[in-house]
Structures are given as structure tokens and as C-alpha cells.
Amino acid sequence: MALIALLAGGAFWYLQRHPGDSAQGPVLTPEAKAYVRNLQLNGVEMKAAENAIHQQVVEITGKITNSGDRHLKSVKITCIFYDPYTQVVLKERVEIVRARLGGLAPGETKPFRLPFDNLPESWNQAMPQLVIAEILFS
């Protein structure tokens, strides 16, 4: 009985510390995985500023280029922030190409801007890892 309680507690702890990808949304389809090589993030920069209510806002800006032959309706990336010990302190999925703004045509480059005002104090202040997490084709 104690062993079952220990296993259940361990599973609960693991799931709390390592949420599944389903919590972040769908994973890349095989078609999208094959297309990722056609997308480039360029000129990515990070800067900090203070907003109107005196909170620090970290802003990541850059451009995404579609060098493939398909029109994209949406592209989402996962931003992974780490602490000084390389432990993940925040994962946030954000859309950088939106259908309502015309998507991203073949050969097109569009700017993106990602503001973050909810970063944990334990964040290491370094550029987060940016991973293309979802592509929706038109």
C-alpha cells in the first residue's frame, strides 16, 4: 500500500514539474516538421523596458521568412526561459504569424514582437530558446 502511495506521489510530482506537450497545444504534424526547414528567424533581439504601470517588460523582436512554396495561415513558437542552472522556469507558446494579418506567403518576410511581463525572478536574463511549435497551412 505504501508503495502505491509512493508511486502515485512520484507521478504527481513529475507531472507537475514536466507538463505534457498537450498542455501547450498540438505538436508539429509530419507535414509541418518537413516544412520547418523553410522557415528562418532572423534579426532576433531582446530588450527590456518599463511599461506604463512601472513593470519590467521583456520584448523579443525579429523577422520570420518563409522560403518554401506554401502559404502559411499561422505559425506558433514556444519560448523556453531558463534559470542560471539551465532548469526551465517558463514555457510560453505564442503566435508570430496570424491568419487575420494575412498569414505568410512564399518568399515573404514579416516582423514579429513578443512582449513578456510575467517572467519569473529566477530567469537567467538570457535569450530564451525559440522553437517552432505549430504550423497551419492555408
N, C-alpha and C. Protein backbone atom coordinates (compact mmCIF):
# COMPACT_ATOMS: atom_id res chain seq x y z
N MET A 1 0.83 -1.19 0.00
CA MET A 1 0.00 0.00 0.00
C MET A 1 0.87 1.26 0.00
N ALA A 2 1.93 1.24 0.80
CA ALA A 2 2.84 2.38 0.85
C ALA A 2 3.53 2.57 -0.49
N LEU A 3 3.85 1.48 -1.18
CA LEU A 3 4.49 1.56 -2.48
C LEU A 3 3.57 2.24 -3.50
N ILE A 4 2.29 1.92 -3.47
CA ILE A 4 1.33 2.55 -4.39
C ILE A 4 1.23 4.04 -4.11
N ALA A 5 1.18 4.40 -2.84
CA ALA A 5 1.12 5.82 -2.48
C ALA A 5 2.39 6.54 -2.92
N LEU A 6 3.54 5.89 -2.77
CA LEU A 6 4.81 6.49 -3.18
C LEU A 6 4.84 6.67 -4.70
N LEU A 7 4.41 5.67 -5.45
CA LEU A 7 4.37 5.79 -6.92
C LEU A 7 3.41 6.88 -7.37
N ALA A 8 2.25 6.95 -6.76
CA ALA A 8 1.27 7.98 -7.11
C ALA A 8 1.82 9.37 -6.81
N GLY A 9 2.47 9.51 -5.66
CA GLY A 9 3.08 10.80 -5.31
C GLY A 9 4.18 11.19 -6.27
N GLY A 10 4.99 10.21 -6.66
CA GLY A 10 6.07 10.47 -7.63
C GLY A 10 5.52 10.87 -8.98
N ALA A 11 4.47 10.20 -9.44
CA ALA A 11 3.85 10.54 -10.72
C ALA A 11 3.26 11.95 -10.67
N PHE A 12 2.59 12.29 -9.57
CA PHE A 12 2.04 13.63 -9.41
C PHE A 12 3.14 14.69 -9.47
N TRP A 13 4.24 14.45 -8.74
CA TRP A 13 5.37 15.40 -8.73
C TRP A 13 5.93 15.56 -10.13
N TYR A 14 6.15 14.45 -10.84
CA TYR A 14 6.71 14.50 -12.19
C TYR A 14 5.81 15.30 -13.13
N LEU A 15 4.51 15.03 -13.09
CA LEU A 15 3.59 15.73 -13.98
C LEU A 15 3.49 17.21 -13.66
N GLN A 16 3.66 17.58 -12.40
CA GLN A 16 3.65 18.99 -12.03
C GLN A 16 4.90 19.70 -12.55
N ARG A 17 6.04 19.02 -12.50
CA ARG A 17 7.30 19.62 -12.93
C ARG A 17 7.52 19.53 -14.44
N HIS A 18 6.91 18.55 -15.11
CA HIS A 18 7.11 18.33 -16.54
C HIS A 18 5.76 18.16 -17.22
N PRO A 19 5.01 19.25 -17.40
CA PRO A 19 3.70 19.10 -18.04
C PRO A 19 3.87 18.59 -19.45
N GLY A 20 2.92 17.81 -19.90
CA GLY A 20 2.97 17.24 -21.24
C GLY A 20 2.79 18.29 -22.31
N ASP A 21 3.19 17.94 -23.53
CA ASP A 21 3.05 18.85 -24.65
C ASP A 21 1.59 19.18 -24.92
N SER A 22 0.68 18.29 -24.55
CA SER A 22 -0.73 18.55 -24.81
C SER A 22 -1.21 19.79 -24.08
N ALA A 23 -0.56 20.14 -22.96
CA ALA A 23 -0.94 21.36 -22.25
C ALA A 23 -0.56 22.59 -23.05
N GLN A 24 0.42 22.46 -23.93
CA GLN A 24 0.88 23.58 -24.74
C GLN A 24 0.21 23.62 -26.11
N GLY A 25 -0.62 22.65 -26.42
CA GLY A 25 -1.28 22.61 -27.71
C GLY A 25 -0.72 21.49 -28.56
N PRO A 26 -1.18 21.42 -29.81
CA PRO A 26 -0.76 20.32 -30.68
C PRO A 26 0.72 20.38 -31.01
N VAL A 27 1.28 19.23 -31.31
CA VAL A 27 2.68 19.17 -31.72
C VAL A 27 2.73 19.30 -33.24
N LEU A 28 3.92 19.49 -33.78
CA LEU A 28 4.07 19.61 -35.22
C LEU A 28 3.63 18.32 -35.91
N THR A 29 2.85 18.46 -36.95
CA THR A 29 2.47 17.31 -37.76
C THR A 29 3.69 16.90 -38.59
N PRO A 30 3.70 15.69 -39.13
CA PRO A 30 4.82 15.29 -40.01
C PRO A 30 5.00 16.26 -41.18
N GLU A 31 3.89 16.74 -41.74
CA GLU A 31 3.95 17.71 -42.84
C GLU A 31 4.63 19.01 -42.38
N ALA A 32 4.26 19.48 -41.19
CA ALA A 32 4.85 20.71 -40.65
C ALA A 32 6.32 20.50 -40.31
N LYS A 33 6.67 19.34 -39.73
CA LYS A 33 8.08 19.05 -39.42
C LYS A 33 8.93 19.12 -40.68
N ALA A 34 8.43 18.60 -41.78
CA ALA A 34 9.17 18.63 -43.04
C ALA A 34 9.30 20.07 -43.56
N TYR A 35 8.33 20.92 -43.24
CA TYR A 35 8.34 22.30 -43.76
C TYR A 35 9.18 23.25 -42.92
N VAL A 36 9.47 22.89 -41.67
CA VAL A 36 10.18 23.79 -40.76
C VAL A 36 11.49 24.30 -41.37
N ARG A 37 12.16 23.47 -42.15
CA ARG A 37 13.44 23.88 -42.74
C ARG A 37 13.30 25.09 -43.67
N ASN A 38 12.07 25.39 -44.09
CA ASN A 38 11.81 26.54 -44.97
C ASN A 38 11.55 27.83 -44.20
N LEU A 39 11.56 27.77 -42.88
CA LEU A 39 11.29 28.96 -42.08
C LEU A 39 12.57 29.40 -41.37
N GLN A 40 12.86 30.68 -41.44
CA GLN A 40 14.03 31.23 -40.76
C GLN A 40 13.62 32.38 -39.87
N LEU A 41 14.16 32.37 -38.66
CA LEU A 41 14.02 33.50 -37.75
C LEU A 41 15.28 34.32 -37.90
N ASN A 42 15.13 35.62 -38.21
CA ASN A 42 16.28 36.50 -38.45
C ASN A 42 16.21 37.72 -37.57
N GLY A 43 17.38 38.29 -37.27
CA GLY A 43 17.44 39.55 -36.54
C GLY A 43 16.76 39.51 -35.20
N VAL A 44 16.79 38.37 -34.54
CA VAL A 44 16.10 38.24 -33.25
C VAL A 44 16.89 38.97 -32.17
N GLU A 45 16.21 39.87 -31.47
CA GLU A 45 16.82 40.66 -30.41
C GLU A 45 15.91 40.68 -29.19
N MET A 46 16.53 40.93 -28.06
CA MET A 46 15.78 41.01 -26.81
C MET A 46 16.15 42.31 -26.11
N LYS A 47 15.14 43.00 -25.58
CA LYS A 47 15.41 44.20 -24.80
C LYS A 47 14.38 44.31 -23.70
N ALA A 48 14.72 45.07 -22.69
CA ALA A 48 13.83 45.27 -21.55
C ALA A 48 13.38 46.73 -21.54
N ALA A 49 12.16 46.94 -21.12
CA ALA A 49 11.61 48.29 -21.00
C ALA A 49 10.66 48.30 -19.82
N GLU A 50 10.23 49.48 -19.45
CA GLU A 50 9.26 49.61 -18.36
C GLU A 50 7.95 50.06 -18.97
N ASN A 51 6.84 49.41 -18.57
CA ASN A 51 5.54 49.79 -19.12
C ASN A 51 4.93 50.93 -18.30
N ALA A 52 3.71 51.31 -18.64
CA ALA A 52 3.04 52.45 -18.01
C ALA A 52 2.80 52.26 -16.52
N ILE A 53 2.70 51.02 -16.06
CA ILE A 53 2.48 50.79 -14.63
C ILE A 53 3.76 50.35 -13.91
N HIS A 54 4.89 50.73 -14.50
CA HIS A 54 6.22 50.54 -13.91
C HIS A 54 6.60 49.08 -13.70
N GLN A 55 6.16 48.21 -14.60
CA GLN A 55 6.58 46.82 -14.60
C GLN A 55 7.61 46.63 -15.69
N GLN A 56 8.56 45.73 -15.44
CA GLN A 56 9.54 45.43 -16.47
C GLN A 56 8.89 44.53 -17.52
N VAL A 57 9.05 44.91 -18.79
CA VAL A 57 8.56 44.11 -19.90
C VAL A 57 9.77 43.74 -20.75
N VAL A 58 9.93 42.45 -20.97
CA VAL A 58 10.99 41.96 -21.85
C VAL A 58 10.34 41.74 -23.21
N GLU A 59 10.98 42.29 -24.23
CA GLU A 59 10.43 42.23 -25.57
C GLU A 59 11.42 41.53 -26.50
N ILE A 60 10.91 40.53 -27.22
CA ILE A 60 11.73 39.85 -28.23
C ILE A 60 11.17 40.25 -29.58
N THR A 61 12.03 40.75 -30.44
CA THR A 61 11.62 41.16 -31.78
C THR A 61 12.47 40.41 -32.80
N GLY A 62 11.96 40.31 -33.99
CA GLY A 62 12.70 39.66 -35.06
C GLY A 62 11.84 39.58 -36.30
N LYS A 63 12.31 38.77 -37.25
CA LYS A 63 11.58 38.57 -38.50
C LYS A 63 11.54 37.08 -38.79
N ILE A 64 10.47 36.66 -39.44
CA ILE A 64 10.35 35.29 -39.90
C ILE A 64 10.21 35.32 -41.42
N THR A 65 10.96 34.43 -42.08
CA THR A 65 10.95 34.34 -43.54
C THR A 65 10.47 32.95 -43.95
N ASN A 66 9.58 32.93 -44.92
CA ASN A 66 9.08 31.69 -45.50
C ASN A 66 9.78 31.48 -46.84
N SER A 67 10.79 30.63 -46.88
CA SER A 67 11.50 30.38 -48.14
C SER A 67 10.94 29.16 -48.88
N GLY A 68 9.82 28.63 -48.39
CA GLY A 68 9.18 27.49 -49.04
C GLY A 68 8.17 27.93 -50.08
N ASP A 69 7.38 26.96 -50.54
CA ASP A 69 6.41 27.22 -51.60
C ASP A 69 4.95 27.14 -51.14
N ARG A 70 4.72 27.17 -49.81
CA ARG A 70 3.36 27.08 -49.28
C ARG A 70 3.00 28.34 -48.52
N HIS A 71 1.74 28.73 -48.63
CA HIS A 71 1.23 29.86 -47.86
C HIS A 71 0.87 29.37 -46.47
N LEU A 72 1.29 30.12 -45.45
CA LEU A 72 1.05 29.72 -44.06
C LEU A 72 -0.03 30.61 -43.45
N LYS A 73 -0.95 29.96 -42.79
CA LYS A 73 -2.03 30.68 -42.11
C LYS A 73 -1.57 31.13 -40.72
N SER A 74 -0.81 30.25 -40.04
CA SER A 74 -0.39 30.53 -38.67
C SER A 74 0.93 29.82 -38.37
N VAL A 75 1.77 30.49 -37.60
CA VAL A 75 2.99 29.87 -37.07
C VAL A 75 3.07 30.25 -35.60
N LYS A 76 3.26 29.23 -34.76
CA LYS A 76 3.45 29.46 -33.33
C LYS A 76 4.82 28.96 -32.93
N ILE A 77 5.43 29.69 -31.99
CA ILE A 77 6.69 29.24 -31.44
C ILE A 77 6.55 29.07 -29.93
N THR A 78 7.38 28.21 -29.38
CA THR A 78 7.46 28.08 -27.93
C THR A 78 8.73 28.78 -27.48
N CYS A 79 8.58 29.70 -26.55
CA CYS A 79 9.71 30.40 -25.95
C CYS A 79 10.02 29.70 -24.63
N ILE A 80 11.25 29.23 -24.49
CA ILE A 80 11.63 28.47 -23.30
C ILE A 80 12.67 29.28 -22.53
N PHE A 81 12.29 29.72 -21.34
CA PHE A 81 13.16 30.52 -20.48
C PHE A 81 13.79 29.62 -19.42
N TYR A 82 15.06 29.85 -19.13
CA TYR A 82 15.81 29.02 -18.19
C TYR A 82 16.30 29.84 -17.00
N ASP A 83 16.65 29.14 -15.91
CA ASP A 83 17.30 29.78 -14.78
C ASP A 83 18.81 29.59 -14.92
N PRO A 84 19.63 30.13 -14.01
CA PRO A 84 21.09 30.01 -14.14
C PRO A 84 21.58 28.56 -14.12
N TYR A 85 20.75 27.63 -13.67
CA TYR A 85 21.15 26.22 -13.60
C TYR A 85 20.59 25.42 -14.77
N THR A 86 20.16 26.12 -15.80
CA THR A 86 19.56 25.57 -17.03
C THR A 86 18.28 24.77 -16.78
N GLN A 87 17.58 25.08 -15.72
CA GLN A 87 16.27 24.49 -15.46
C GLN A 87 15.22 25.39 -16.11
N VAL A 88 14.21 24.79 -16.73
CA VAL A 88 13.14 25.56 -17.37
C VAL A 88 12.31 26.26 -16.29
N VAL A 89 12.17 27.58 -16.43
CA VAL A 89 11.34 28.33 -15.48
C VAL A 89 10.03 28.82 -16.11
N LEU A 90 9.98 28.84 -17.46
CA LEU A 90 8.76 29.25 -18.14
C LEU A 90 8.80 28.77 -19.58
N LYS A 91 7.68 28.20 -20.03
CA LYS A 91 7.47 27.85 -21.43
C LYS A 91 6.21 28.55 -21.86
N GLU A 92 6.31 29.33 -22.91
CA GLU A 92 5.12 30.03 -23.37
C GLU A 92 5.02 29.92 -24.89
N ARG A 93 3.87 29.48 -25.37
CA ARG A 93 3.63 29.35 -26.80
C ARG A 93 2.95 30.63 -27.28
N VAL A 94 3.50 31.20 -28.35
CA VAL A 94 2.97 32.45 -28.89
C VAL A 94 2.87 32.37 -30.41
N GLU A 95 1.89 33.05 -30.94
CA GLU A 95 1.68 33.06 -32.39
C GLU A 95 2.45 34.23 -32.99
N ILE A 96 3.31 33.95 -33.99
CA ILE A 96 4.08 35.02 -34.62
C ILE A 96 3.61 35.30 -36.05
N VAL A 97 2.81 34.40 -36.61
CA VAL A 97 2.15 34.61 -37.91
C VAL A 97 0.68 34.34 -37.68
N ARG A 98 -0.16 35.30 -38.08
CA ARG A 98 -1.60 35.19 -37.82
C ARG A 98 -2.39 35.27 -39.12
N ALA A 99 -3.43 34.45 -39.19
CA ALA A 99 -4.29 34.45 -40.37
C ALA A 99 -4.95 35.81 -40.58
N ARG A 100 -5.40 36.43 -39.49
CA ARG A 100 -6.12 37.70 -39.63
C ARG A 100 -5.22 38.84 -40.11
N LEU A 101 -3.89 38.60 -40.09
CA LEU A 101 -2.96 39.60 -40.62
C LEU A 101 -2.39 39.15 -41.96
N GLY A 102 -3.05 38.18 -42.59
CA GLY A 102 -2.66 37.76 -43.94
C GLY A 102 -1.77 36.54 -44.01
N GLY A 103 -1.38 35.99 -42.88
CA GLY A 103 -0.51 34.82 -42.91
C GLY A 103 0.88 35.16 -43.43
N LEU A 104 1.54 34.18 -44.03
CA LEU A 104 2.90 34.37 -44.55
C LEU A 104 3.01 33.65 -45.89
N ALA A 105 3.14 34.43 -46.95
CA ALA A 105 3.20 33.88 -48.30
C ALA A 105 4.60 33.34 -48.60
N PRO A 106 4.73 32.49 -49.61
CA PRO A 106 6.04 32.02 -50.01
C PRO A 106 6.95 33.20 -50.38
N GLY A 107 8.18 33.17 -49.90
CA GLY A 107 9.14 34.23 -50.17
C GLY A 107 8.97 35.48 -49.32
N GLU A 108 7.97 35.52 -48.47
CA GLU A 108 7.67 36.71 -47.67
C GLU A 108 8.41 36.69 -46.33
N THR A 109 8.74 37.89 -45.86
CA THR A 109 9.34 38.09 -44.53
C THR A 109 8.44 39.05 -43.77
N LYS A 110 8.14 38.70 -42.52
CA LYS A 110 7.31 39.57 -41.67
C LYS A 110 7.97 39.73 -40.31
N PRO A 111 7.81 40.93 -39.71
CA PRO A 111 8.35 41.14 -38.37
C PRO A 111 7.42 40.54 -37.31
N PHE A 112 8.00 40.24 -36.15
CA PHE A 112 7.20 39.82 -35.01
C PHE A 112 7.72 40.51 -33.76
N ARG A 113 6.83 40.63 -32.78
CA ARG A 113 7.13 41.28 -31.50
C ARG A 113 6.46 40.48 -30.41
N LEU A 114 7.24 40.05 -29.42
CA LEU A 114 6.73 39.23 -28.33
C LEU A 114 7.02 39.90 -26.99
N PRO A 115 6.04 40.53 -26.36
CA PRO A 115 6.27 41.12 -25.04
C PRO A 115 5.98 40.11 -23.93
N PHE A 116 6.84 40.10 -22.92
CA PHE A 116 6.66 39.23 -21.75
C PHE A 116 6.74 40.08 -20.50
N ASP A 117 5.68 40.08 -19.69
CA ASP A 117 5.70 40.81 -18.44
C ASP A 117 5.52 39.90 -17.23
N ASN A 118 5.62 38.60 -17.48
CA ASN A 118 5.36 37.62 -16.42
C ASN A 118 6.56 36.70 -16.17
N LEU A 119 7.76 37.16 -16.44
CA LEU A 119 8.93 36.30 -16.28
C LEU A 119 9.30 36.13 -14.81
N PRO A 120 9.59 34.89 -14.39
CA PRO A 120 9.97 34.65 -13.00
C PRO A 120 11.30 35.32 -12.66
N GLU A 121 11.46 35.69 -11.41
CA GLU A 121 12.71 36.31 -10.97
C GLU A 121 13.90 35.38 -11.14
N SER A 122 13.66 34.07 -11.16
CA SER A 122 14.75 33.12 -11.29
C SER A 122 15.27 32.99 -12.73
N TRP A 123 14.64 33.67 -13.67
CA TRP A 123 15.07 33.64 -15.07
C TRP A 123 16.51 34.14 -15.17
N ASN A 124 17.31 33.53 -16.03
CA ASN A 124 18.74 33.86 -16.14
C ASN A 124 19.05 35.10 -16.97
N GLN A 125 18.06 35.81 -17.44
CA GLN A 125 18.21 37.05 -18.21
C GLN A 125 18.79 36.82 -19.61
N ALA A 126 18.90 35.58 -20.06
CA ALA A 126 19.43 35.26 -21.39
C ALA A 126 18.28 35.10 -22.39
N MET A 127 18.63 35.19 -23.67
CA MET A 127 17.65 34.98 -24.73
C MET A 127 17.05 33.58 -24.56
N PRO A 128 15.73 33.48 -24.58
CA PRO A 128 15.11 32.15 -24.46
C PRO A 128 15.36 31.33 -25.72
N GLN A 129 15.17 30.03 -25.59
CA GLN A 129 15.20 29.15 -26.75
C GLN A 129 13.89 29.34 -27.49
N LEU A 130 13.94 29.51 -28.79
CA LEU A 130 12.74 29.71 -29.62
C LEU A 130 12.59 28.49 -30.52
N VAL A 131 11.48 27.79 -30.37
CA VAL A 131 11.25 26.54 -31.10
C VAL A 131 9.93 26.66 -31.86
N ILE A 132 9.96 26.41 -33.16
CA ILE A 132 8.72 26.42 -33.94
C ILE A 132 7.88 25.24 -33.47
N ALA A 133 6.68 25.55 -32.99
CA ALA A 133 5.84 24.55 -32.34
C ALA A 133 4.62 24.15 -33.14
N GLU A 134 4.17 25.01 -34.05
CA GLU A 134 2.96 24.69 -34.81
C GLU A 134 2.95 25.49 -36.10
N ILE A 135 2.58 24.83 -37.19
CA ILE A 135 2.41 25.48 -38.48
C ILE A 135 1.06 25.06 -39.03
N LEU A 136 0.25 26.04 -39.41
CA LEU A 136 -1.02 25.75 -40.06
C LEU A 136 -0.94 26.29 -41.50
N PHE A 137 -1.21 25.44 -42.45
CA PHE A 137 -1.14 25.81 -43.86
C PHE A 137 -2.48 26.36 -44.33
N SER A 138 -2.43 27.26 -45.31
CA SER A 138 -3.67 27.82 -45.89
C SER A 138 -4.31 26.83 -46.82
